[in-house]
Amino acid sequence: MSTVEDAGVRRVHVIELAPKTILTVLAVLAGVWLLASLTTVLTVVVVALVLVGTVDPLVAWLKRRGLGRGKALVLVFVVGALLLIGVVLLMVPPLISQVAVLLENAPKARDELVRNLAGHGWAKPLIGTINGFPIDTLSQRATNAVLGYSTTLLEAIGFAVSALFLAIYLLADPTQSKGFAYALVPRRFHIKLARILLELTVIVGGYMRGQLITSVCIGVFTFVLLTVLGAQNALAIALFAGMTDIIPFVGGYIATAPVVIAVAPRGATIAIVIFGVMMLYQEFESRILVPRVYGKVLRLPPAIVLVALLVGGTLAGIFGALLALPIAAGLQMVIRELRVELPGESHSETGTAALDRRANVAYEQMSEGATAAEAGEIADSMAATVMQDEHDAAAMRSNGL
């Protein structure tokens, strides 16, 4: 309510909010609070959906070659588990041994470095800093840090197992899983929902392929570099570099530490040069390789790739940066799929909107009386056909036909 005095006349303006507006605001606030409260659950669901989008194409490929879906699912997860166990066995023991040797030799290396710097006047402040560094208790501090994070690690393992079993459930019976989603959506939107689900599968698969490309690149680069220099544990460190590369921004820099440590016995000059080489590779990956690889498979411009990584990392840390690219690509796709013809746009019956309308009419006729799961199967088939027709039409236009 506001009061205005004009020429001795007092006017009172009353602002009233409709009950519907109040309820809408309260519903939005409740939704935001609910999302914040269910962050862990949503994280598990998102990870499970990423696993589904990654594994489903492999299961479908095996199924097309005569293997039953259940057997194909078991084969994919067993092979994946064996590969993971093999990587861990090849990587973890040598790295633990390397860290143990480093901690054991750290005091001796510190004393030697101090002796080398003692004859230089400019190095006196640096010598004081080195002497003050608690190297003697570094091993104990590292052990305490590991114990301190053990609870968090166990929670993360529990969430990972939950996501894995949820993904297995969704993959074991995809028809019923999709049927639940289709049951919640009115049938006039089923074609759009089917298109979105198909596009999400493509996006997740493209994201995982892109991640595999970047991880293999840094792994091969690290292995070749260490092999040329004759460093020990080249394979283990290369595998570690490939694994940590999945962490945006800092993963490559984490991988740099064991590389530098591995070449340190060859002298400080070699270690500094290798450190510079690894930094240059990180710049190459973040500025050139990542935007081009992910931009191509996710159909995102390179600038959007960098901005999405920054926004995701700022809002949700490492996990946000991990999912920033598929989420950005998914949002772009959803906006494209939920297209609305604006005033002034062409309403030609040959346009995509007209094609959608005709597909919806045919779908409603074909799915009449079907269950949600059966209707979902029909919608998937029709959406795939429509998308293929659009792809063929786009290819003909690009070829000038």
Protein backbone atom coordinates (compact mmCIF):
# COMPACT_ATOMS: atom_id res chain seq x y z
CA MET A 1 0.00 0.00 0.00
CA SER A 2 1.29 3.51 -0.83
CA THR A 3 0.00 7.05 -0.04
CA VAL A 4 0.30 10.06 -2.40
CA GLU A 5 -0.74 13.69 -1.61
CA ASP A 6 -1.72 15.76 -4.69
CA ALA A 7 -3.20 19.31 -4.36
CA GLY A 8 -4.45 18.61 -0.89
CA VAL A 9 -6.09 15.37 -1.93
CA ARG A 10 -4.75 12.27 -0.28
CA ARG A 11 -4.78 9.21 -2.52
CA VAL A 12 -4.20 5.71 -1.25
CA HIS A 13 -3.02 2.95 -3.63
CA VAL A 14 -3.61 -0.58 -2.46
CA ILE A 15 -1.56 -3.39 -4.00
CA GLU A 16 -3.22 -6.75 -3.77
CA LEU A 17 -1.69 -10.09 -4.62
CA ALA A 18 -3.93 -12.74 -6.06
CA PRO A 19 -4.01 -16.02 -4.12
CA LYS A 20 -2.71 -17.78 -7.24
CA THR A 21 0.37 -15.52 -7.31
CA ILE A 22 1.09 -16.15 -3.63
CA LEU A 23 0.73 -19.89 -4.11
CA THR A 24 3.04 -19.79 -7.13
CA VAL A 25 5.74 -17.92 -5.18
CA LEU A 26 5.41 -20.33 -2.27
CA ALA A 27 5.59 -23.31 -4.63
CA VAL A 28 8.78 -21.96 -6.24
CA LEU A 29 10.37 -21.38 -2.83
CA ALA A 30 9.34 -24.86 -1.71
CA GLY A 31 10.80 -26.34 -4.90
CA VAL A 32 14.12 -24.56 -4.37
CA TRP A 33 14.23 -25.73 -0.73
CA LEU A 34 13.39 -29.29 -1.79
CA LEU A 35 16.12 -29.32 -4.45
CA ALA A 36 18.66 -28.02 -1.93
CA SER A 37 17.61 -30.70 0.57
CA LEU A 38 17.80 -33.49 -2.00
CA THR A 39 21.16 -32.54 -3.49
CA THR A 40 22.70 -35.91 -2.60
CA VAL A 41 19.78 -37.86 -4.06
CA LEU A 42 19.84 -35.79 -7.25
CA THR A 43 23.59 -36.36 -7.52
CA VAL A 44 23.11 -40.13 -7.33
CA VAL A 45 20.33 -39.98 -9.95
CA VAL A 46 22.40 -37.81 -12.31
CA VAL A 47 25.43 -40.11 -12.02
CA ALA A 48 23.19 -43.13 -12.63
CA LEU A 49 21.72 -41.50 -15.75
CA VAL A 50 25.22 -40.74 -17.03
CA LEU A 51 26.13 -44.40 -16.53
CA VAL A 52 22.97 -45.44 -18.37
CA GLY A 53 23.76 -43.15 -21.29
CA THR A 54 27.32 -44.51 -21.39
CA VAL A 55 26.56 -48.22 -21.11
CA ASP A 56 23.29 -48.47 -23.05
CA PRO A 57 24.87 -48.05 -26.53
CA LEU A 58 27.32 -50.88 -25.74
CA VAL A 59 24.52 -53.13 -24.50
CA ALA A 60 22.44 -52.33 -27.60
CA TRP A 61 25.44 -53.09 -29.86
CA LEU A 62 25.92 -56.50 -28.21
CA LYS A 63 22.19 -57.17 -28.37
CA ARG A 64 22.15 -56.52 -32.13
CA ARG A 65 24.81 -59.21 -32.46
CA GLY A 66 22.62 -61.89 -30.91
CA LEU A 67 23.47 -61.57 -27.23
CA GLY A 68 20.53 -61.31 -24.83
CA ARG A 69 20.12 -58.01 -22.99
CA GLY A 70 20.78 -59.57 -19.59
CA LYS A 71 23.94 -61.31 -20.76
CA ALA A 72 25.12 -58.18 -22.59
CA LEU A 73 24.58 -56.10 -19.44
CA VAL A 74 26.53 -58.57 -17.30
CA LEU A 75 29.34 -58.74 -19.87
CA VAL A 76 29.71 -54.94 -20.07
CA PHE A 77 29.82 -54.45 -16.30
CA VAL A 78 32.13 -57.43 -15.70
CA VAL A 79 34.58 -56.23 -18.36
CA GLY A 80 34.37 -52.70 -16.99
CA ALA A 81 35.04 -53.92 -13.44
CA LEU A 82 38.01 -56.01 -14.59
CA LEU A 83 39.49 -53.07 -16.48
CA LEU A 84 39.07 -50.82 -13.45
CA ILE A 85 40.69 -53.40 -11.16
CA GLY A 86 43.56 -53.83 -13.63
CA VAL A 87 44.17 -50.08 -13.82
CA VAL A 88 44.14 -49.79 -10.02
CA LEU A 89 46.59 -52.68 -9.60
CA LEU A 90 48.94 -51.24 -12.23
CA MET A 91 48.71 -47.70 -10.88
CA VAL A 92 48.29 -47.64 -7.10
CA PRO A 93 51.13 -49.86 -5.75
CA PRO A 94 53.92 -48.12 -7.76
CA LEU A 95 52.59 -44.68 -6.82
CA ILE A 96 52.38 -45.58 -3.14
CA SER A 97 55.95 -46.88 -3.34
CA GLN A 98 57.05 -43.66 -5.03
CA VAL A 99 55.41 -41.53 -2.32
CA ALA A 100 57.00 -43.64 0.43
CA VAL A 101 60.48 -43.21 -1.10
CA LEU A 102 59.84 -39.48 -1.50
CA LEU A 103 58.87 -39.06 2.14
CA GLU A 104 61.87 -41.11 3.27
CA ASN A 105 64.35 -39.09 1.22
CA ALA A 106 62.72 -35.69 1.81
CA PRO A 107 64.90 -34.62 4.81
CA LYS A 108 68.10 -35.54 2.95
CA ALA A 109 66.96 -33.68 -0.16
CA ARG A 110 66.12 -30.62 1.95
CA ASP A 111 69.55 -30.56 3.57
CA GLU A 112 71.26 -30.91 0.18
CA LEU A 113 69.19 -28.08 -1.29
CA VAL A 114 70.02 -25.83 1.67
CA ARG A 115 73.76 -26.53 1.22
CA ASN A 116 73.58 -25.64 -2.46
CA LEU A 117 71.81 -22.36 -1.70
CA ALA A 118 73.96 -21.41 1.29
CA GLY A 119 76.57 -19.63 -0.81
CA HIS A 120 74.07 -17.19 -2.35
CA GLY A 121 73.03 -14.11 -0.46
CA TRP A 122 69.75 -13.73 -2.32
CA ALA A 123 68.71 -17.20 -1.15
CA LYS A 124 68.72 -16.47 2.60
CA PRO A 125 64.93 -15.85 2.86
CA LEU A 126 64.32 -18.98 0.76
CA ILE A 127 66.63 -21.04 3.01
CA GLY A 128 64.68 -19.93 6.09
CA THR A 129 61.41 -20.98 4.44
CA ILE A 130 62.83 -24.38 3.46
CA ASN A 131 64.19 -25.01 6.95
CA GLY A 132 60.83 -24.08 8.47
CA PHE A 133 58.92 -26.55 6.30
CA PRO A 134 57.85 -29.52 8.51
CA ILE A 135 59.36 -32.25 6.35
CA ASP A 136 60.23 -34.44 9.33
CA THR A 137 56.55 -34.76 10.25
CA LEU A 138 55.25 -34.82 6.68
CA SER A 139 54.56 -38.55 6.73
CA GLN A 140 52.52 -38.29 9.92
CA ARG A 141 50.60 -35.31 8.57
CA ALA A 142 49.79 -37.21 5.38
CA THR A 143 48.55 -40.20 7.39
CA ASN A 144 46.35 -37.97 9.54
CA ALA A 145 44.93 -36.29 6.44
CA VAL A 146 44.04 -39.64 4.88
CA LEU A 147 42.33 -40.76 8.10
CA GLY A 148 40.47 -37.45 8.27
CA TYR A 149 39.04 -37.93 4.79
CA SER A 150 38.24 -41.62 5.31
CA THR A 151 34.62 -40.93 6.32
CA THR A 152 34.06 -38.74 3.27
CA LEU A 153 35.65 -41.39 1.08
CA LEU A 154 33.37 -44.11 2.48
CA GLU A 155 30.33 -41.91 1.87
CA ALA A 156 31.43 -41.30 -1.71
CA ILE A 157 31.89 -45.05 -2.24
CA GLY A 158 28.40 -45.66 -0.84
CA PHE A 159 26.87 -43.09 -3.19
CA ALA A 160 28.80 -44.56 -6.12
CA VAL A 161 27.49 -48.05 -5.35
CA SER A 162 23.94 -46.69 -5.09
CA ALA A 163 24.29 -44.95 -8.46
CA LEU A 164 25.69 -48.15 -9.98
CA PHE A 165 22.79 -50.31 -8.81
CA LEU A 166 20.26 -47.69 -9.91
CA ALA A 167 21.87 -47.64 -13.36
CA ILE A 168 21.76 -51.45 -13.52
CA TYR A 169 18.05 -51.40 -12.63
CA LEU A 170 17.30 -48.81 -15.31
CA LEU A 171 19.30 -50.75 -17.90
CA ALA A 172 17.83 -54.14 -17.01
CA ASP A 173 14.29 -53.06 -17.88
CA PRO A 174 14.46 -49.87 -19.94
CA THR A 175 10.89 -50.23 -21.21
CA GLN A 176 9.38 -50.09 -17.72
CA SER A 177 11.81 -47.35 -16.65
CA LYS A 178 10.84 -45.15 -19.59
CA GLY A 179 7.19 -46.10 -19.10
CA PHE A 180 7.27 -44.40 -15.70
CA ALA A 181 8.50 -41.18 -17.32
CA TYR A 182 5.90 -41.38 -20.09
CA ALA A 183 3.14 -42.00 -17.53
CA LEU A 184 3.95 -38.64 -15.89
CA VAL A 185 3.80 -36.67 -19.17
CA PRO A 186 0.63 -35.99 -21.22
CA ARG A 187 0.56 -38.01 -24.45
CA ARG A 188 0.63 -34.94 -26.67
CA PHE A 189 4.20 -34.36 -25.42
CA HIS A 190 5.41 -37.96 -25.78
CA ILE A 191 7.12 -37.41 -29.14
CA LYS A 192 9.06 -34.45 -27.76
CA LEU A 193 9.96 -36.45 -24.66
CA ALA A 194 11.18 -39.33 -26.83
CA ARG A 195 13.31 -36.95 -28.90
CA ILE A 196 14.79 -35.42 -25.75
CA LEU A 197 15.65 -38.84 -24.31
CA LEU A 198 17.27 -39.95 -27.58
CA GLU A 199 19.27 -36.72 -27.81
CA LEU A 200 20.38 -37.05 -24.18
CA THR A 201 21.74 -40.51 -24.96
CA VAL A 202 23.75 -39.03 -27.84
CA ILE A 203 24.99 -36.17 -25.64
CA VAL A 204 26.13 -38.43 -22.79
CA GLY A 205 27.81 -40.82 -25.22
CA GLY A 206 29.58 -37.91 -26.92
CA TYR A 207 30.70 -36.52 -23.58
CA MET A 208 32.14 -39.86 -22.47
CA ARG A 209 33.92 -40.33 -25.82
CA GLY A 210 35.37 -36.85 -25.52
CA GLN A 211 36.56 -37.57 -22.00
CA LEU A 212 38.14 -40.81 -23.20
CA ILE A 213 39.98 -38.93 -25.97
CA THR A 214 41.45 -36.31 -23.61
CA SER A 215 42.41 -38.92 -20.99
CA VAL A 216 44.12 -41.12 -23.59
CA CYS A 217 45.97 -38.10 -25.01
CA ILE A 218 47.48 -37.01 -21.71
CA GLY A 219 48.20 -40.63 -20.75
CA VAL A 220 50.09 -41.32 -23.99
CA PHE A 221 51.91 -37.99 -23.79
CA THR A 222 53.01 -38.67 -20.20
CA PHE A 223 54.06 -42.25 -20.95
CA VAL A 224 56.16 -41.23 -23.97
CA LEU A 225 57.75 -38.36 -22.06
CA LEU A 226 58.76 -40.51 -19.08
CA THR A 227 59.89 -43.42 -21.26
CA VAL A 228 62.19 -41.17 -23.28
CA LEU A 229 63.72 -39.88 -20.04
CA GLY A 230 64.08 -43.39 -18.63
CA ALA A 231 61.97 -42.65 -15.55
CA GLN A 232 60.60 -45.41 -13.35
CA ASN A 233 56.90 -46.29 -13.14
CA ALA A 234 56.12 -44.62 -16.46
CA LEU A 235 53.01 -46.73 -17.05
CA ALA A 236 51.61 -46.19 -13.55
CA ILE A 237 52.12 -42.43 -13.74
CA ALA A 238 50.59 -42.30 -17.24
CA LEU A 239 47.51 -44.16 -15.99
CA PHE A 240 47.30 -41.76 -13.05
CA ALA A 241 47.45 -38.82 -15.46
CA GLY A 242 44.64 -40.28 -17.55
CA MET A 243 42.47 -40.88 -14.48
CA THR A 244 42.99 -37.43 -12.97
CA ASP A 245 42.35 -35.76 -16.31
CA ILE A 246 38.62 -36.28 -15.79
CA ILE A 247 38.80 -33.55 -13.12
CA PRO A 248 38.36 -30.24 -14.97
CA PHE A 249 40.89 -27.45 -14.49
CA VAL A 250 43.05 -29.09 -11.79
CA GLY A 251 43.25 -32.71 -12.97
CA GLY A 252 46.17 -32.16 -15.29
CA TYR A 253 48.05 -30.16 -12.70
CA ILE A 254 47.57 -32.95 -10.15
CA ALA A 255 49.05 -35.35 -12.71
CA THR A 256 52.11 -33.09 -13.06
CA ALA A 257 53.38 -33.72 -9.52
CA PRO A 258 54.30 -37.44 -9.89
CA VAL A 259 55.80 -36.71 -13.34
CA VAL A 260 58.16 -34.13 -11.88
CA ILE A 261 58.99 -36.36 -8.92
CA ALA A 262 59.77 -39.25 -11.26
CA VAL A 263 62.36 -37.21 -13.20
CA ALA A 264 63.78 -35.41 -10.15
CA PRO A 265 66.71 -37.89 -9.78
CA ARG A 266 68.01 -36.67 -13.15
CA GLY A 267 68.63 -33.21 -11.74
CA ALA A 268 66.82 -29.98 -10.90
CA THR A 269 67.20 -28.61 -14.44
CA ILE A 270 65.43 -31.62 -16.00
CA ALA A 271 62.67 -31.42 -13.36
CA ILE A 272 62.07 -27.73 -14.08
CA VAL A 273 62.00 -28.34 -17.85
CA ILE A 274 59.53 -31.22 -17.48
CA PHE A 275 57.37 -29.09 -15.21
CA GLY A 276 57.27 -26.43 -17.94
CA VAL A 277 56.46 -29.03 -20.60
CA MET A 278 53.55 -30.38 -18.56
CA MET A 279 52.24 -26.84 -18.01
CA LEU A 280 52.39 -26.21 -21.74
CA TYR A 281 50.44 -29.41 -22.37
CA GLN A 282 47.78 -28.29 -19.88
CA GLU A 283 47.41 -25.03 -21.77
CA PHE A 284 47.15 -26.93 -25.06
CA GLU A 285 44.48 -29.24 -23.64
CA SER A 286 42.37 -26.57 -21.94
CA ARG A 287 42.61 -23.96 -24.74
CA ILE A 288 42.61 -26.11 -27.88
CA LEU A 289 41.92 -29.81 -27.33
CA VAL A 290 38.97 -29.63 -24.89
CA PRO A 291 36.97 -26.94 -26.75
CA ARG A 292 37.45 -28.69 -30.08
CA VAL A 293 36.78 -32.25 -28.89
CA TYR A 294 33.81 -31.47 -26.67
CA GLY A 295 32.54 -28.72 -28.95
CA LYS A 296 32.36 -31.21 -31.82
CA VAL A 297 30.75 -34.13 -30.01
CA LEU A 298 28.38 -31.98 -27.92
CA ARG A 299 27.73 -29.43 -30.69
CA LEU A 300 28.78 -26.58 -28.41
CA PRO A 301 30.86 -23.58 -29.56
CA PRO A 302 34.36 -23.54 -27.98
CA ALA A 303 33.53 -20.34 -26.05
CA ILE A 304 30.44 -21.97 -24.52
CA VAL A 305 32.56 -24.97 -23.48
CA LEU A 306 34.94 -22.75 -21.51
CA VAL A 307 32.12 -20.67 -19.97
CA ALA A 308 30.17 -23.80 -18.98
CA LEU A 309 33.23 -25.26 -17.23
CA LEU A 310 33.79 -22.00 -15.34
CA VAL A 311 30.14 -21.68 -14.29
CA GLY A 312 29.85 -25.34 -13.26
CA GLY A 313 33.07 -25.20 -11.24
CA THR A 314 32.02 -21.97 -9.53
CA LEU A 315 28.54 -23.19 -8.59
CA ALA A 316 29.25 -26.79 -7.57
CA GLY A 317 33.00 -27.28 -7.42
CA ILE A 318 34.60 -30.31 -9.06
CA PHE A 319 31.33 -32.20 -9.48
CA GLY A 320 29.72 -29.18 -11.13
CA ALA A 321 32.62 -28.86 -13.55
CA LEU A 322 32.42 -32.60 -14.34
CA LEU A 323 28.78 -32.31 -15.39
CA ALA A 324 28.89 -28.77 -16.79
CA LEU A 325 29.35 -29.79 -20.44
CA PRO A 326 26.62 -32.47 -20.69
CA ILE A 327 24.24 -30.20 -18.76
CA ALA A 328 24.98 -27.25 -21.07
CA ALA A 329 24.51 -29.43 -24.15
CA GLY A 330 21.33 -30.90 -22.66
CA LEU A 331 19.86 -27.47 -21.93
CA GLN A 332 20.66 -26.30 -25.44
CA MET A 333 19.01 -29.42 -26.86
CA VAL A 334 15.89 -29.09 -24.68
CA ILE A 335 15.45 -25.47 -25.72
CA ARG A 336 15.80 -26.52 -29.34
CA GLU A 337 13.35 -29.41 -29.00
CA LEU A 338 10.72 -27.37 -27.12
CA ARG A 339 10.55 -24.94 -30.01
CA VAL A 340 7.64 -22.53 -30.23
CA GLU A 341 6.77 -20.69 -33.42
CA LEU A 342 6.93 -16.96 -32.69
CA PRO A 343 4.75 -14.32 -34.40
CA GLY A 344 6.10 -13.48 -37.84
CA GLU A 345 7.72 -16.87 -38.37
CA SER A 346 6.76 -19.05 -41.29
CA HIS A 347 4.08 -21.63 -40.62
CA SER A 348 4.84 -23.66 -43.68
CA GLU A 349 3.54 -27.21 -43.57
CA THR A 350 6.99 -28.34 -44.71
CA GLY A 351 8.60 -26.96 -41.53
CA THR A 352 9.69 -28.91 -38.51
CA ALA A 353 6.69 -27.75 -36.47
CA ALA A 354 4.33 -29.15 -39.08
CA LEU A 355 6.29 -32.40 -39.07
CA ASP A 356 5.90 -32.56 -35.30
CA ARG A 357 2.15 -32.00 -35.57
CA ARG A 358 1.74 -34.77 -38.12
CA ALA A 359 3.86 -37.10 -35.99
CA ASN A 360 1.75 -36.33 -32.92
CA VAL A 361 -1.48 -37.07 -34.79
CA ALA A 362 -0.11 -40.40 -36.03
CA TYR A 363 1.24 -41.23 -32.57
CA GLU A 364 -2.06 -40.58 -30.80
CA GLN A 365 -3.79 -42.92 -33.25
CA MET A 366 -1.16 -45.67 -32.90
CA SER A 367 -0.91 -45.45 -29.09
CA GLU A 368 -4.64 -45.37 -28.40
CA GLY A 369 -5.40 -47.89 -25.67
CA ALA A 370 -1.70 -48.74 -25.11
CA THR A 371 -0.06 -48.76 -21.68
CA ALA A 372 2.50 -46.09 -20.79
CA ALA A 373 5.38 -48.51 -21.43
CA GLU A 374 3.94 -49.56 -24.81
CA ALA A 375 3.24 -45.95 -25.74
CA GLY A 376 6.83 -45.10 -24.87
CA GLU A 377 8.12 -47.77 -27.24
CA ILE A 378 5.94 -46.36 -30.03
CA ALA A 379 7.09 -42.80 -29.26
CA ASP A 380 10.76 -43.87 -29.32
CA SER A 381 10.35 -45.52 -32.71
CA MET A 382 8.49 -42.57 -34.24
CA ALA A 383 10.90 -40.02 -32.75
CA ALA A 384 13.88 -41.90 -34.21
CA THR A 385 12.18 -41.93 -37.62
CA VAL A 386 11.35 -38.21 -37.47
CA MET A 387 14.90 -37.32 -36.39
CA GLN A 388 16.36 -39.41 -39.23
CA ASP A 389 14.06 -37.65 -41.73
CA GLU A 390 15.18 -34.25 -40.40
CA HIS A 391 18.83 -35.32 -40.64
CA ASP A 392 18.38 -36.48 -44.23
CA ALA A 393 16.58 -33.24 -45.15
CA ALA A 394 19.36 -31.15 -43.55
CA ALA A 395 22.00 -33.15 -45.45
CA MET A 396 20.16 -32.56 -48.74
CA ARG A 397 19.93 -28.83 -48.04
CA SER A 398 23.65 -28.64 -47.22
CA ASN A 399 24.42 -30.40 -50.51
CA GLY A 400 22.24 -27.97 -52.44
CA LEU A 401 19.70 -30.63 -53.47
